[in-house]
PDB file of N, CA and C in Angstrom:
ATOM      1  N   UNK A   1     128.507  96.490 109.379  1.00  0.00           N
ATOM      2  CA  UNK A   1     129.165  96.798 108.141  1.00  0.00           C
ATOM      3  C   UNK A   1     129.074  95.579 107.227  1.00  0.00           C
ATOM      4  N   UNK A   2     128.703  95.793 105.978  1.00  0.00           N
ATOM      5  CA  UNK A   2     128.601  94.699 105.021  1.00  0.00           C
ATOM      6  C   UNK A   2     129.764  94.781 104.051  1.00  0.00           C
ATOM      7  N   UNK A   3     130.222  93.619 103.661  1.00  0.00           N
ATOM      8  CA  UNK A   3     131.339  93.580 102.726  1.00  0.00           C
ATOM      9  C   UNK A   3     130.821  93.127 101.376  1.00  0.00           C
ATOM     10  N   UNK A   4     131.093  93.921 100.367  1.00  0.00           N
ATOM     11  CA  UNK A   4     130.667  93.624  99.011  1.00  0.00           C
ATOM     12  C   UNK A   4     131.882  93.446  98.120  1.00  0.00           C
ATOM     13  N   UNK A   5     131.658  92.797  97.001  1.00  0.00           N
ATOM     14  CA  UNK A   5     132.742  92.609  96.037  1.00  0.00           C
ATOM     15  C   UNK A   5     132.349  93.329  94.761  1.00  0.00           C
ATOM     16  N   UNK A   6     133.221  94.197  94.307  1.00  0.00           N
ATOM     17  CA  UNK A   6     132.994  94.938  93.072  1.00  0.00           C
ATOM     18  C   UNK A   6     134.229  94.827  92.212  1.00  0.00           C
ATOM     19  N   UNK A   7     134.075  94.315  91.025  1.00  0.00           N
ATOM     20  CA  UNK A   7     135.173  94.135  90.069  1.00  0.00           C
ATOM     21  C   UNK A   7     136.331  93.373  90.697  1.00  0.00           C
ATOM     22  N   UNK A   8     135.997  92.353  91.474  1.00  0.00           N
ATOM     23  CA  UNK A   8     137.020  91.508  92.047  1.00  0.00           C
ATOM     24  C   UNK A   8     137.666  92.034  93.302  1.00  0.00           C
ATOM     25  N   UNK A   9     137.446  93.311  93.684  1.00  0.00           N
ATOM     26  CA  UNK A   9     138.074  93.873  94.882  1.00  0.00           C
ATOM     27  C   UNK A   9     137.008  94.081  95.945  1.00  0.00           C
ATOM     28  N   UNK A  10     137.223  93.592  97.170  1.00  0.00           N
ATOM     29  CA  UNK A  10     136.221  93.789  98.222  1.00  0.00           C
ATOM     30  C   UNK A  10     136.231  95.224  98.729  1.00  0.00           C
ATOM     31  N   UNK A  11     135.048  95.746  99.095  1.00  0.00           N
ATOM     32  CA  UNK A  11     134.932  97.051  99.741  1.00  0.00           C
ATOM     33  C   UNK A  11     133.770  96.982 100.719  1.00  0.00           C
ATOM     34  N   UNK A  12     133.729  97.901 101.643  1.00  0.00           N
ATOM     35  CA  UNK A  12     132.689  97.856 102.673  1.00  0.00           C
ATOM     36  C   UNK A  12     131.760  99.051 102.540  1.00  0.00           C
ATOM     37  N   UNK A  13     130.524  98.841 102.970  1.00  0.00           N
ATOM     38  CA  UNK A  13     129.500  99.887 102.960  1.00  0.00           C
ATOM     39  C   UNK A  13     129.104 100.146 104.403  1.00  0.00           C
ATOM     40  N   UNK A  14     129.183 101.393 104.811  1.00  0.00           N
ATOM     41  CA  UNK A  14     128.835 101.748 106.188  1.00  0.00           C
ATOM     42  C   UNK A  14     127.408 102.297 106.233  1.00  0.00           C
ATOM     43  N   UNK A  15     126.676 102.011 107.298  1.00  0.00           N
ATOM     44  CA  UNK A  15     125.338 102.584 107.425  1.00  0.00           C
ATOM     45  C   UNK A  15     125.442 104.096 107.628  1.00  0.00           C
ATOM     46  N   UNK A  16     124.408 104.870 107.216  1.00  0.00           N
ATOM     47  CA  UNK A  16     124.468 106.333 107.377  1.00  0.00           C
ATOM     48  C   UNK A  16     124.529 106.727 108.847  1.00  0.00           C
ATOM     49  N   UNK A  17     125.191 107.805 109.102  1.00  0.00           N
ATOM     50  CA  UNK A  17     125.337 108.306 110.465  1.00  0.00           C
ATOM     51  C   UNK A  17     124.166 109.210 110.811  1.00  0.00           C
ATOM     52  N   UNK A  18     123.475 108.912 111.902  1.00  0.00           N
ATOM     53  CA  UNK A  18     122.340 109.727 112.340  1.00  0.00           C
ATOM     54  C   UNK A  18     122.796 111.104 112.815  1.00  0.00           C
ATOM     55  N   UNK A  19     123.953 111.178 113.429  1.00  0.00           N
ATOM     56  CA  UNK A  19     124.453 112.449 113.952  1.00  0.00           C
ATOM     57  C   UNK A  19     124.714 113.447 112.827  1.00  0.00           C
ATOM     58  N   UNK A  20     125.051 112.957 111.629  1.00  0.00           N
ATOM     59  CA  UNK A  20     125.330 113.847 110.509  1.00  0.00           C
ATOM     60  C   UNK A  20     124.078 114.598 110.070  1.00  0.00           C
ATOM     61  N   UNK A  21     122.886 114.024 110.356  1.00  0.00           N
ATOM     62  CA  UNK A  21     121.640 114.642 109.931  1.00  0.00           C
ATOM     63  C   UNK A  21     120.852 115.217 111.100  1.00  0.00           C
ATOM     64  N   UNK A  22     121.497 115.432 112.215  1.00  0.00           N
ATOM     65  CA  UNK A  22     120.825 115.913 113.417  1.00  0.00           C
ATOM     66  C   UNK A  22     120.304 117.338 113.261  1.00  0.00           C
ATOM     67  N   UNK A  23     120.879 118.123 112.369  1.00  0.00           N
ATOM     68  CA  UNK A  23     120.446 119.504 112.190  1.00  0.00           C
ATOM     69  C   UNK A  23     119.106 119.599 111.465  1.00  0.00           C
ATOM     70  N   UNK A  24     118.657 118.534 110.794  1.00  0.00           N
ATOM     71  CA  UNK A  24     117.413 118.552 110.033  1.00  0.00           C
ATOM     72  C   UNK A  24     116.229 118.359 110.977  1.00  0.00           C
ATOM     73  N   UNK A  25     115.064 118.977 110.678  1.00  0.00           N
ATOM     74  CA  UNK A  25     113.892 118.786 111.532  1.00  0.00           C
ATOM     75  C   UNK A  25     113.418 117.330 111.468  1.00  0.00           C
ATOM     76  N   UNK A  26     112.715 116.903 112.492  1.00  0.00           N
ATOM     77  CA  UNK A  26     112.259 115.521 112.584  1.00  0.00           C
ATOM     78  C   UNK A  26     111.320 115.162 111.437  1.00  0.00           C
ATOM     79  N   UNK A  27     110.418 116.060 111.065  1.00  0.00           N
ATOM     80  CA  UNK A  27     109.528 115.807 109.941  1.00  0.00           C
ATOM     81  C   UNK A  27     109.210 117.118 109.256  1.00  0.00           C
ATOM     82  N   UNK A  28     108.771 117.032 108.017  1.00  0.00           N
ATOM     83  CA  UNK A  28     108.460 118.236 107.264  1.00  0.00           C
ATOM     84  C   UNK A  28     107.192 118.906 107.786  1.00  0.00           C
ATOM     85  N   UNK A  29     106.253 118.135 108.302  1.00  0.00           N
ATOM     86  CA  UNK A  29     105.003 118.719 108.781  1.00  0.00           C
ATOM     87  C   UNK A  29     105.206 119.580 110.018  1.00  0.00           C
ATOM     88  N   UNK A  30     106.161 119.233 110.861  1.00  0.00           N
ATOM     89  CA  UNK A  30     106.369 120.036 112.063  1.00  0.00           C
ATOM     90  C   UNK A  30     107.051 121.370 111.740  1.00  0.00           C
ATOM     91  N   UNK A  31     107.669 121.471 110.565  1.00  0.00           N
ATOM     92  CA  UNK A  31     108.363 122.697 110.199  1.00  0.00           C
ATOM     93  C   UNK A  31     107.446 123.699 109.496  1.00  0.00           C
ATOM     94  N   UNK A  32     106.187 123.294 109.158  1.00  0.00           N
ATOM     95  CA  UNK A  32     105.283 124.189 108.451  1.00  0.00           C
ATOM     96  C   UNK A  32     104.772 125.285 109.369  1.00  0.00           C
ATOM     97  N   UNK A  33     104.702 126.521 108.861  1.00  0.00           N
ATOM     98  CA  UNK A  33     104.115 127.579 109.684  1.00  0.00           C
ATOM     99  C   UNK A  33     102.594 127.429 109.712  1.00  0.00           C
ATOM    100  N   UNK A  34     101.969 127.978 110.713  1.00  0.00           N
ATOM    101  CA  UNK A  34     100.510 127.915 110.827  1.00  0.00           C
ATOM    102  C   UNK A  34      99.878 128.756 109.725  1.00  0.00           C
ATOM    103  N   UNK A  35      98.692 128.348 109.260  1.00  0.00           N
ATOM    104  CA  UNK A  35      97.984 129.084 108.217  1.00  0.00           C
ATOM    105  C   UNK A  35      97.583 130.451 108.750  1.00  0.00           C
ATOM    106  N   UNK A  36      97.657 131.450 107.874  1.00  0.00           N
ATOM    107  CA  UNK A  36      97.278 132.796 108.274  1.00  0.00           C
ATOM    108  C   UNK A  36      95.762 132.884 108.379  1.00  0.00           C
ATOM    109  N   UNK A  37      95.284 133.578 109.383  1.00  0.00           N
ATOM    110  CA  UNK A  37      93.842 133.701 109.625  1.00  0.00           C
ATOM    111  C   UNK A  37      93.168 134.603 108.588  1.00  0.00           C
ATOM    112  N   UNK A  38      93.914 135.516 107.971  1.00  0.00           N
ATOM    113  CA  UNK A  38      93.312 136.470 107.057  1.00  0.00           C
ATOM    114  C   UNK A  38      93.550 136.119 105.587  1.00  0.00           C
ATOM    115  N   UNK A  39      93.849 134.852 105.286  1.00  0.00           N
ATOM    116  CA  UNK A  39      94.057 134.474 103.891  1.00  0.00           C
ATOM    117  C   UNK A  39      92.712 134.444 103.167  1.00  0.00           C
ATOM    118  N   UNK A  40      92.754 134.416 101.845  1.00  0.00           N
ATOM    119  CA  UNK A  40      91.527 134.445 101.047  1.00  0.00           C
ATOM    120  C   UNK A  40      90.657 133.223 101.305  1.00  0.00           C
ATOM    121  N   UNK A  41      91.271 132.071 101.581  1.00  0.00           N
ATOM    122  CA  UNK A  41      90.492 130.868 101.859  1.00  0.00           C
ATOM    123  C   UNK A  41      89.753 130.967 103.192  1.00  0.00           C
ATOM    124  N   UNK A  42      90.305 131.695 104.136  1.00  0.00           N
ATOM    125  CA  UNK A  42      89.713 131.785 105.463  1.00  0.00           C
ATOM    126  C   UNK A  42      88.807 132.998 105.647  1.00  0.00           C
ATOM    127  N   UNK A  43      88.637 133.800 104.599  1.00  0.00           N
ATOM    128  CA  UNK A  43      87.798 134.984 104.703  1.00  0.00           C
ATOM    129  C   UNK A  43      86.329 134.563 104.770  1.00  0.00           C
ATOM    130  N   UNK A  44      85.618 135.078 105.750  1.00  0.00           N
ATOM    131  CA  UNK A  44      84.201 134.745 105.912  1.00  0.00           C
ATOM    132  C   UNK A  44      83.372 135.438 104.836  1.00  0.00           C
ATOM    133  N   UNK A  45      82.540 134.666 104.159  1.00  0.00           N
ATOM    134  CA  UNK A  45      81.673 135.172 103.104  1.00  0.00           C
ATOM    135  C   UNK A  45      80.231 134.847 103.456  1.00  0.00           C
ATOM    136  N   UNK A  46      79.319 135.722 103.056  1.00  0.00           N
ATOM    137  CA  UNK A  46      77.906 135.544 103.354  1.00  0.00           C
ATOM    138  C   UNK A  46      77.230 134.784 102.219  1.00  0.00           C
ATOM    139  N   UNK A  47      76.529 133.687 102.530  1.00  0.00           N
ATOM    140  CA  UNK A  47      75.822 132.947 101.472  1.00  0.00           C
ATOM    141  C   UNK A  47      74.539 133.667 101.057  1.00  0.00           C
ATOM    142  N   UNK A  48      74.167 133.505  99.807  1.00  0.00           N
ATOM    143  CA  UNK A  48      72.896 134.041  99.323  1.00  0.00           C
ATOM    144  C   UNK A  48      71.763 133.245  99.979  1.00  0.00           C
ATOM    145  N   UNK A  49      70.530 133.750  99.936  1.00  0.00           N
ATOM    146  CA  UNK A  49      69.417 133.019 100.566  1.00  0.00           C
ATOM    147  C   UNK A  49      69.242 131.590 100.041  1.00  0.00           C
ATOM    148  N   UNK A  50      69.454 131.369  98.749  1.00  0.00           N
ATOM    149  CA  UNK A  50      69.295 130.013  98.207  1.00  0.00           C
ATOM    150  C   UNK A  50      70.379 129.071  98.734  1.00  0.00           C
ATOM    151  N   UNK A  51      71.618 129.555  98.865  1.00  0.00           N
ATOM    152  CA  UNK A  51      72.691 128.727  99.427  1.00  0.00           C
ATOM    153  C   UNK A  51      72.527 128.597 100.936  1.00  0.00           C
ATOM    154  N   UNK A  52      72.012 129.632 101.582  1.00  0.00           N
ATOM    155  CA  UNK A  52      71.794 129.585 103.029  1.00  0.00           C
ATOM    156  C   UNK A  52      70.782 128.504 103.402  1.00  0.00           C
ATOM    157  N   UNK A  53      69.861 128.186 102.506  1.00  0.00           N
ATOM    158  CA  UNK A  53      68.897 127.106 102.756  1.00  0.00           C
ATOM    159  C   UNK A  53      69.594 125.751 102.830  1.00  0.00           C
ATOM    160  N   UNK A  54      70.788 125.653 102.240  1.00  0.00           N
ATOM    161  CA  UNK A  54      71.532 124.393 102.217  1.00  0.00           C
ATOM    162  C   UNK A  54      72.585 124.343 103.317  1.00  0.00           C
ATOM    163  N   UNK A  55      73.390 125.412 103.460  1.00  0.00           N
ATOM    164  CA  UNK A  55      74.532 125.366 104.397  1.00  0.00           C
ATOM    165  C   UNK A  55      74.337 126.197 105.657  1.00  0.00           C
ATOM    166  N   UNK A  56      73.268 126.968 105.715  1.00  0.00           N
ATOM    167  CA  UNK A  56      73.028 127.822 106.885  1.00  0.00           C
ATOM    168  C   UNK A  56      73.311 129.279 106.559  1.00  0.00           C
ATOM    169  N   UNK A  57      72.716 130.216 107.309  1.00  0.00           N
ATOM    170  CA  UNK A  57      72.814 131.636 106.972  1.00  0.00           C
ATOM    171  C   UNK A  57      74.068 132.357 107.474  1.00  0.00           C
ATOM    172  N   UNK A  58      74.809 131.772 108.410  1.00  0.00           N
ATOM    173  CA  UNK A  58      75.962 132.470 108.987  1.00  0.00           C
ATOM    174  C   UNK A  58      77.118 132.564 107.988  1.00  0.00           C
ATOM    175  N   UNK A  59      77.911 133.638 108.050  1.00  0.00           N
ATOM    176  CA  UNK A  59      79.070 133.786 107.165  1.00  0.00           C
ATOM    177  C   UNK A  59      80.111 132.694 107.443  1.00  0.00           C
ATOM    178  N   UNK A  60      80.632 132.100 106.381  1.00  0.00           N
ATOM    179  CA  UNK A  60      81.627 131.029 106.488  1.00  0.00           C
ATOM    180  C   UNK A  60      82.697 131.211 105.425  1.00  0.00           C
ATOM    181  N   UNK A  61      83.840 130.571 105.643  1.00  0.00           N
ATOM    182  CA  UNK A  61      84.909 130.572 104.638  1.00  0.00           C
ATOM    183  C   UNK A  61      84.514 129.638 103.488  1.00  0.00           C
ATOM    184  N   UNK A  62      85.149 129.833 102.342  1.00  0.00           N
ATOM    185  CA  UNK A  62      84.878 128.996 101.172  1.00  0.00           C
ATOM    186  C   UNK A  62      85.053 127.506 101.472  1.00  0.00           C
ATOM    187  N   UNK A  63      86.133 127.205 102.176  1.00  0.00           N
ATOM    188  CA  UNK A  63      86.418 125.803 102.486  1.00  0.00           C
ATOM    189  C   UNK A  63      85.334 125.208 103.384  1.00  0.00           C
ATOM    190  N   UNK A  64      84.870 125.978 104.348  1.00  0.00           N
ATOM    191  CA  UNK A  64      83.811 125.496 105.238  1.00  0.00           C
ATOM    192  C   UNK A  64      82.495 125.362 104.485  1.00  0.00           C
ATOM    193  N   UNK A  65      82.224 126.268 103.548  1.00  0.00           N
ATOM    194  CA  UNK A  65      81.001 126.182 102.745  1.00  0.00           C
ATOM    195  C   UNK A  65      81.006 124.908 101.899  1.00  0.00           C
ATOM    196  N   UNK A  66      82.152 124.581 101.313  1.00  0.00           N
ATOM    197  CA  UNK A  66      82.271 123.360 100.519  1.00  0.00           C
ATOM    198  C   UNK A  66      82.075 122.133 101.404  1.00  0.00           C
ATOM    199  N   UNK A  67      82.648 122.168 102.585  1.00  0.00           N
ATOM    200  CA  UNK A  67      82.506 121.055 103.523  1.00  0.00           C
ATOM    201  C   UNK A  67      81.046 120.855 103.916  1.00  0.00           C
ATOM    202  N   UNK A  68      80.343 121.937 104.211  1.00  0.00           N
ATOM    203  CA  UNK A  68      78.922 121.845 104.586  1.00  0.00           C
ATOM    204  C   UNK A  68      78.066 121.383 103.418  1.00  0.00           C
ATOM    205  N   UNK A  69      78.424 121.803 102.216  1.00  0.00           N
ATOM    206  CA  UNK A  69      77.687 121.356 101.030  1.00  0.00           C
ATOM    207  C   UNK A  69      77.831 119.848 100.857  1.00  0.00           C
ATOM    208  N   UNK A  70      79.041 119.320 101.045  1.00  0.00           N
ATOM    209  CA  UNK A  70      79.256 117.870 100.959  1.00  0.00           C
ATOM    210  C   UNK A  70      78.524 117.150 102.080  1.00  0.00           C
ATOM    211  N   UNK A  71      78.466 117.723 103.264  1.00  0.00           N
ATOM    212  CA  UNK A  71      77.711 117.117 104.360  1.00  0.00           C
ATOM    213  C   UNK A  71      76.232 117.003 103.984  1.00  0.00           C
ATOM    214  N   UNK A  72      75.701 118.055 103.366  1.00  0.00           N
ATOM    215  CA  UNK A  72      74.305 118.064 102.915  1.00  0.00           C
ATOM    216  C   UNK A  72      74.072 116.975 101.871  1.00  0.00           C
ATOM    217  N   UNK A  73      74.994 116.869 100.903  1.00  0.00           N
ATOM    218  CA  UNK A  73      74.856 115.890  99.823  1.00  0.00           C
ATOM    219  C   UNK A  73      74.905 114.464 100.372  1.00  0.00           C
ATOM    220  N   UNK A  74      75.844 114.199 101.251  1.00  0.00           N
ATOM    221  CA  UNK A  74      75.990 112.842 101.802  1.00  0.00           C
ATOM    222  C   UNK A  74      74.844 112.483 102.740  1.00  0.00           C
ATOM    223  N   UNK A  75      74.344 113.451 103.509  1.00  0.00           N
ATOM    224  CA  UNK A  75      73.242 113.180 104.431  1.00  0.00           C
ATOM    225  C   UNK A  75      71.963 112.819 103.675  1.00  0.00           C
ATOM    226  N   UNK A  76      71.791 113.341 102.473  1.00  0.00           N
ATOM    227  CA  UNK A  76      70.588 113.085 101.689  1.00  0.00           C
ATOM    228  C   UNK A  76      70.826 112.088 100.555  1.00  0.00           C
ATOM    229  N   UNK A  77      72.026 111.496 100.520  1.00  0.00           N
ATOM    230  CA  UNK A  77      72.371 110.482  99.520  1.00  0.00           C
ATOM    231  C   UNK A  77      72.118 110.994  98.096  1.00  0.00           C
ATOM    232  N   UNK A  78      72.691 112.151  97.780  1.00  0.00           N
ATOM    233  CA  UNK A  78      72.460 112.784  96.481  1.00  0.00           C
ATOM    234  C   UNK A  78      73.536 112.483  95.440  1.00  0.00           C
ATOM    235  N   UNK A  79      74.551 111.693  95.794  1.00  0.00           N
ATOM    236  CA  UNK A  79      75.550 111.327  94.791  1.00  0.00           C
ATOM    237  C   UNK A  79      74.950 110.316  93.829  1.00  0.00           C
ATOM    238  N   UNK A  80      75.291 110.445  92.555  1.00  0.00           N
ATOM    239  CA  UNK A  80      74.822 109.506  91.547  1.00  0.00           C
ATOM    240  C   UNK A  80      75.405 108.128  91.863  1.00  0.00           C
ATOM    241  N   UNK A  81      74.580 107.098  92.031  1.00  0.00           N
ATOM    242  CA  UNK A  81      75.113 105.779  92.393  1.00  0.00           C
ATOM    243  C   UNK A  81      75.980 105.156  91.301  1.00  0.00           C
ATOM    244  N   UNK A  82      75.758 105.533  90.055  1.00  0.00           N
ATOM    245  CA  UNK A  82      76.546 104.992  88.943  1.00  0.00           C
ATOM    246  C   UNK A  82      77.888 105.708  88.830  1.00  0.00           C
ATOM    247  N   UNK A  83      77.872 107.031  88.966  1.00  0.00           N
ATOM    248  CA  UNK A  83      79.081 107.845  88.855  1.00  0.00           C
ATOM    249  C   UNK A  83      79.143 108.757  90.074  1.00  0.00           C
ATOM    250  N   UNK A  84      79.934 108.378  91.067  1.00  0.00           N
ATOM    251  CA  UNK A  84      79.985 109.106  92.341  1.00  0.00           C
ATOM    252  C   UNK A  84      80.534 110.523  92.202  1.00  0.00           C
ATOM    253  N   UNK A  85      81.126 110.857  91.053  1.00  0.00           N
ATOM    254  CA  UNK A  85      81.631 112.215  90.843  1.00  0.00           C
ATOM    255  C   UNK A  85      80.519 113.196  90.523  1.00  0.00           C
ATOM    256  N   UNK A  86      79.327 112.685  90.245  1.00  0.00           N
ATOM    257  CA  UNK A  86      78.191 113.539  89.923  1.00  0.00           C
ATOM    258  C   UNK A  86      77.245 113.627  91.111  1.00  0.00           C
ATOM    259  N   UNK A  87      76.612 114.786  91.230  1.00  0.00           N
ATOM    260  CA  UNK A  87      75.657 115.036  92.304  1.00  0.00           C
ATOM    261  C   UNK A  87      74.293 115.268  91.668  1.00  0.00           C
ATOM    262  N   UNK A  88      73.289 114.524  92.160  1.00  0.00           N
ATOM    263  CA  UNK A  88      71.909 114.698  91.713  1.00  0.00           C
ATOM    264  C   UNK A  88      71.269 115.748  92.613  1.00  0.00           C
ATOM    265  N   UNK A  89      70.819 116.850  92.038  1.00  0.00           N
ATOM    266  CA  UNK A  89      70.325 117.978  92.831  1.00  0.00           C
ATOM    267  C   UNK A  89      68.868 117.791  93.230  1.00  0.00           C
ATOM    268  N   UNK A  90      68.572 118.044  94.509  1.00  0.00           N
ATOM    269  CA  UNK A  90      67.191 118.131  94.953  1.00  0.00           C
ATOM    270  C   UNK A  90      66.741 119.578  94.733  1.00  0.00           C
ATOM    271  N   UNK A  91      65.545 119.918  95.213  1.00  0.00           N
ATOM    272  CA  UNK A  91      65.005 121.262  94.947  1.00  0.00           C
ATOM    273  C   UNK A  91      65.879 122.373  95.524  1.00  0.00           C
ATOM    274  N   UNK A  92      66.385 122.179  96.742  1.00  0.00           N
ATOM    275  CA  UNK A  92      67.214 123.215  97.375  1.00  0.00           C
ATOM    276  C   UNK A  92      68.537 123.386  96.629  1.00  0.00           C
ATOM    277  N   UNK A  93      69.151 122.275  96.214  1.00  0.00           N
ATOM    278  CA  UNK A  93      70.417 122.365  95.470  1.00  0.00           C
ATOM    279  C   UNK A  93      70.202 122.882  94.055  1.00  0.00           C
ATOM    280  N   UNK A  94      69.072 122.550  93.473  1.00  0.00           N
ATOM    281  CA  UNK A  94      68.785 123.018  92.115  1.00  0.00           C
ATOM    282  C   UNK A  94      68.700 124.545  92.076  1.00  0.00           C
ATOM    283  N   UNK A  95      68.219 125.156  93.160  1.00  0.00           N
ATOM    284  CA  UNK A  95      68.158 126.622  93.237  1.00  0.00           C
ATOM    285  C   UNK A  95      69.561 127.222  93.245  1.00  0.00           C
ATOM    286  N   UNK A  96      70.530 126.491  93.803  1.00  0.00           N
ATOM    287  CA  UNK A  96      71.913 126.977  93.856  1.00  0.00           C
ATOM    288  C   UNK A  96      72.647 126.656  92.565  1.00  0.00           C
ATOM    289  N   UNK A  97      72.553 125.416  92.108  1.00  0.00           N
ATOM    290  CA  UNK A  97      73.342 124.951  90.968  1.00  0.00           C
ATOM    291  C   UNK A  97      72.727 125.306  89.618  1.00  0.00           C
ATOM    292  N   UNK A  98      71.406 125.363  89.539  1.00  0.00           N
ATOM    293  CA  UNK A  98      70.750 125.701  88.286  1.00  0.00           C
ATOM    294  C   UNK A  98      70.591 124.524  87.341  1.00  0.00           C
ATOM    295  N   UNK A  99      70.962 123.312  87.754  1.00  0.00           N
ATOM    296  CA  UNK A  99      70.850 122.114  86.920  1.00  0.00           C
ATOM    297  C   UNK A  99      70.366 120.947  87.763  1.00  0.00           C
ATOM    298  N   UNK A 100      69.929 119.879  87.081  1.00  0.00           N
ATOM    299  CA  UNK A 100      69.495 118.667  87.783  1.00  0.00           C
ATOM    300  C   UNK A 100      70.672 117.844  88.275  1.00  0.00           C
ATOM    301  N   UNK A 101      71.798 117.888  87.549  1.00  0.00           N
ATOM    302  CA  UNK A 101      72.972 117.096  87.903  1.00  0.00           C
ATOM    303  C   UNK A 101      74.228 117.901  87.597  1.00  0.00           C
ATOM    304  N   UNK A 102      75.162 117.910  88.541  1.00  0.00           N
ATOM    305  CA  UNK A 102      76.431 118.624  88.362  1.00  0.00           C
ATOM    306  C   UNK A 102      77.581 117.702  88.758  1.00  0.00           C
ATOM    307  N   UNK A 103      78.766 117.975  88.193  1.00  0.00           N
ATOM    308  CA  UNK A 103      79.948 117.237  88.617  1.00  0.00           C
ATOM    309  C   UNK A 103      80.510 117.915  89.859  1.00  0.00           C
ATOM    310  N   UNK A 104      81.336 117.187  90.584  1.00  0.00           N
ATOM    311  CA  UNK A 104      81.910 117.770  91.798  1.00  0.00           C
ATOM    312  C   UNK A 104      82.815 118.950  91.480  1.00  0.00           C
ATOM    313  N   UNK A 105      83.358 118.993  90.266  1.00  0.00           N
ATOM    314  CA  UNK A 105      84.231 120.097  89.877  1.00  0.00           C
ATOM    315  C   UNK A 105      83.421 121.348  89.542  1.00  0.00           C
ATOM    316  N   UNK A 106      82.266 121.166  88.907  1.00  0.00           N
ATOM    317  CA  UNK A 106      81.381 122.294  88.612  1.00  0.00           C
ATOM    318  C   UNK A 106      80.772 122.857  89.899  1.00  0.00           C
ATOM    319  N   UNK A 107      80.519 121.972  90.839  1.00  0.00           N
ATOM    320  CA  UNK A 107      79.791 122.325  92.053  1.00  0.00           C
ATOM    321  C   UNK A 107      80.456 123.476  92.817  1.00  0.00           C
ATOM    322  N   UNK A 108      81.768 123.427  92.996  1.00  0.00           N
ATOM    323  CA  UNK A 108      82.438 124.481  93.758  1.00  0.00           C
ATOM    324  C   UNK A 108      82.396 125.822  93.027  1.00  0.00           C
ATOM    325  N   UNK A 109      82.503 125.784  91.712  1.00  0.00           N
ATOM    326  CA  UNK A 109      82.429 127.034  90.939  1.00  0.00           C
ATOM    327  C   UNK A 109      81.016 127.619  91.007  1.00  0.00           C
ATOM    328  N   UNK A 110      80.008 126.778  90.877  1.00  0.00           N
ATOM    329  CA  UNK A 110      78.629 127.259  90.944  1.00  0.00           C
ATOM    330  C   UNK A 110      78.287 127.761  92.341  1.00  0.00           C
ATOM    331  N   UNK A 111      78.823 127.108  93.366  1.00  0.00           N
ATOM    332  CA  UNK A 111      78.583 127.551  94.739  1.00  0.00           C
ATOM    333  C   UNK A 111      79.278 128.896  94.995  1.00  0.00           C
ATOM    334  N   UNK A 112      80.457 129.107  94.422  1.00  0.00           N
ATOM    335  CA  UNK A 112      81.206 130.336  94.622  1.00  0.00           C
ATOM    336  C   UNK A 112      80.457 131.573  94.186  1.00  0.00           C
ATOM    337  N   UNK A 113      79.583 131.424  93.205  1.00  0.00           N
ATOM    338  CA  UNK A 113      78.772 132.560  92.751  1.00  0.00           C
ATOM    339  C   UNK A 113      77.740 132.966  93.798  1.00  0.00           C
ATOM    340  N   UNK A 114      77.465 132.091  94.756  1.00  0.00           N
ATOM    341  CA  UNK A 114      76.468 132.362  95.796  1.00  0.00           C
ATOM    342  C   UNK A 114      77.104 132.789  97.127  1.00  0.00           C
ATOM    343  N   UNK A 115      78.410 133.067  97.116  1.00  0.00           N
ATOM    344  CA  UNK A 115      79.086 133.573  98.316  1.00  0.00           C
ATOM    345  C   UNK A 115      79.517 135.015  98.067  1.00  0.00           C
ATOM    346  N   UNK A 116      79.084 135.907  98.922  1.00  0.00           N
ATOM    347  CA  UNK A 116      79.369 137.346  98.749  1.00  0.00           C
ATOM    348  C   UNK A 116      80.180 137.872  99.916  1.00  0.00           C
ATOM    349  N   UNK A 117      81.031 138.859  99.656  1.00  0.00           N
ATOM    350  CA  UNK A 117      81.797 139.501 100.728  1.00  0.00           C
ATOM    351  C   UNK A 117      80.840 140.231 101.676  1.00  0.00           C
ATOM    352  N   UNK A 118      81.271 140.326 102.921  1.00  0.00           N
ATOM    353  CA  UNK A 118      80.412 140.987 103.918  1.00  0.00           C
ATOM    354  C   UNK A 118      80.421 142.476 103.760  1.00  0.00           C
TER     355      UNK A 118
END
């Protein structure tokens, strides 16, 4: 217990009681429910032939397609060295994106046009 002086009169400050907060979960992450398997993000979509040349032909979720696209870009060192937010397209990516250079924000929208429902 610490003793403080406020306006000439001493008063004490007590540390918080752990037992008072025992009803709360240990962390916020442990209280989260598991992601639903049938959500829109987890729905398997079939890539077009031009996108399949980059990420593979099997149906994948949007998030997995984006992850594989980034793996392709990093493996071939296609990020612009001056501005890492831009991607320099090789021939396979140019067929998907339609441009020589795209930003990372444009990339997901352009890729989404090449994913079709099964």
